[in-house]
C-alpha atoms as a PDB file:
ATOM      1  CA  UNK A   1       0.000   0.000   0.000  1.00  0.00           C
ATOM      2  CA  UNK A   2       1.477   3.406  -0.950  1.00  0.00           C
ATOM      3  CA  UNK A   3       2.236   5.806   1.866  1.00  0.00           C
ATOM      4  CA  UNK A   4       0.264   9.057   1.963  1.00  0.00           C
ATOM      5  CA  UNK A   5       2.124  12.043   0.597  1.00  0.00           C
ATOM      6  CA  UNK A   6       2.924  15.005   2.822  1.00  0.00           C
ATOM      7  CA  UNK A   7       0.298  17.102   1.023  1.00  0.00           C
ATOM      8  CA  UNK A   8      -2.317  14.493   1.900  1.00  0.00           C
ATOM      9  CA  UNK A   9      -1.430  14.573   5.615  1.00  0.00           C
ATOM     10  CA  UNK A  10      -1.508  18.336   6.130  1.00  0.00           C
ATOM     11  CA  UNK A  11      -4.630  20.431   6.246  1.00  0.00           C
ATOM     12  CA  UNK A  12      -5.070  22.320   3.016  1.00  0.00           C
ATOM     13  CA  UNK A  13      -7.843  24.505   1.667  1.00  0.00           C
ATOM     14  CA  UNK A  14      -9.117  24.549  -1.905  1.00  0.00           C
ATOM     15  CA  UNK A  15      -9.504  27.617  -4.098  1.00  0.00           C
ATOM     16  CA  UNK A  16     -13.222  28.124  -3.266  1.00  0.00           C
ATOM     17  CA  UNK A  17     -12.454  27.877   0.455  1.00  0.00           C
ATOM     18  CA  UNK A  18      -9.608  30.385   0.086  1.00  0.00           C
ATOM     19  CA  UNK A  19     -11.801  32.777  -1.871  1.00  0.00           C
ATOM     20  CA  UNK A  20     -14.442  32.644   0.839  1.00  0.00           C
ATOM     21  CA  UNK A  21     -11.847  33.171   3.587  1.00  0.00           C
ATOM     22  CA  UNK A  22     -10.491  36.238   1.784  1.00  0.00           C
ATOM     23  CA  UNK A  23     -13.911  37.592   0.836  1.00  0.00           C
ATOM     24  CA  UNK A  24     -13.114  37.415  -2.875  1.00  0.00           C
ATOM     25  CA  UNK A  25     -14.530  35.570  -5.866  1.00  0.00           C
ATOM     26  CA  UNK A  26     -12.718  32.385  -6.866  1.00  0.00           C
ATOM     27  CA  UNK A  27     -11.898  33.709 -10.338  1.00  0.00           C
ATOM     28  CA  UNK A  28     -10.417  36.888  -8.893  1.00  0.00           C
ATOM     29  CA  UNK A  29      -8.142  34.930  -6.548  1.00  0.00           C
ATOM     30  CA  UNK A  30      -6.912  32.909  -9.535  1.00  0.00           C
ATOM     31  CA  UNK A  31      -6.272  36.059 -11.590  1.00  0.00           C
ATOM     32  CA  UNK A  32      -4.398  37.716  -8.719  1.00  0.00           C
ATOM     33  CA  UNK A  33      -2.217  34.647  -8.194  1.00  0.00           C
ATOM     34  CA  UNK A  34      -1.431  34.553 -11.913  1.00  0.00           C
ATOM     35  CA  UNK A  35      -0.602  38.286 -11.860  1.00  0.00           C
ATOM     36  CA  UNK A  36       1.693  37.847  -8.854  1.00  0.00           C
ATOM     37  CA  UNK A  37      -0.483  39.954  -6.537  1.00  0.00           C
ATOM     38  CA  UNK A  38      -1.001  36.906  -4.289  1.00  0.00           C
ATOM     39  CA  UNK A  39       1.547  34.159  -3.577  1.00  0.00           C
ATOM     40  CA  UNK A  40       1.526  30.956  -5.622  1.00  0.00           C
ATOM     41  CA  UNK A  41      -0.402  27.977  -4.204  1.00  0.00           C
ATOM     42  CA  UNK A  42       1.312  25.917  -1.527  1.00  0.00           C
ATOM     43  CA  UNK A  43       0.829  22.721  -3.534  1.00  0.00           C
ATOM     44  CA  UNK A  44      -0.327  21.980  -7.048  1.00  0.00           C
ATOM     45  CA  UNK A  45      -1.388  18.349  -7.309  1.00  0.00           C
ATOM     46  CA  UNK A  46      -0.758  16.249 -10.412  1.00  0.00           C
ATOM     47  CA  UNK A  47      -4.358  16.795 -11.506  1.00  0.00           C
ATOM     48  CA  UNK A  48      -3.916  20.598 -11.313  1.00  0.00           C
ATOM     49  CA  UNK A  49      -5.789  21.052  -8.035  1.00  0.00           C
ATOM     50  CA  UNK A  50      -4.333  24.050  -6.203  1.00  0.00           C
ATOM     51  CA  UNK A  51      -4.080  23.713  -2.431  1.00  0.00           C
ATOM     52  CA  UNK A  52      -3.324  26.363   0.175  1.00  0.00           C
ATOM     53  CA  UNK A  53      -2.142  26.098   3.781  1.00  0.00           C
ATOM     54  CA  UNK A  54      -2.512  28.403   6.779  1.00  0.00           C
ATOM     55  CA  UNK A  55       0.775  30.177   6.021  1.00  0.00           C
ATOM     56  CA  UNK A  56      -0.451  30.976   2.515  1.00  0.00           C
ATOM     57  CA  UNK A  57      -3.634  32.472   3.959  1.00  0.00           C
ATOM     58  CA  UNK A  58      -1.585  34.674   6.314  1.00  0.00           C
ATOM     59  CA  UNK A  59       0.701  35.801   3.462  1.00  0.00           C
ATOM     60  CA  UNK A  60      -2.291  36.540   1.232  1.00  0.00           C
ATOM     61  CA  UNK A  61      -3.966  38.607   3.928  1.00  0.00           C
ATOM     62  CA  UNK A  62      -0.738  40.613   4.400  1.00  0.00           C
ATOM     63  CA  UNK A  63      -0.526  41.181   0.641  1.00  0.00           C
ATOM     64  CA  UNK A  64      -4.130  42.364   0.524  1.00  0.00           C
ATOM     65  CA  UNK A  65      -3.593  44.683   3.500  1.00  0.00           C
ATOM     66  CA  UNK A  66      -0.468  46.183   1.920  1.00  0.00           C
ATOM     67  CA  UNK A  67      -2.327  46.661  -1.348  1.00  0.00           C
ATOM     68  CA  UNK A  68      -5.089  48.632   0.410  1.00  0.00           C
ATOM     69  CA  UNK A  69      -2.655  51.043   2.045  1.00  0.00           C
END
């Protein structure tokens, strides 16, 4: 039996969950990541699923706060 990967053992959020946490639309989060206004996802799975951890959320909130100032 294959061992679980690190990404499978940590708690990650999906793009819709991240968008809700940041109060943004999912598409906008994706555009801002692509434009470099938000950090890249913590993990991108083989199937393209983008996953985000608690440190990403903190970094994104800092980036959004700095952008508003």
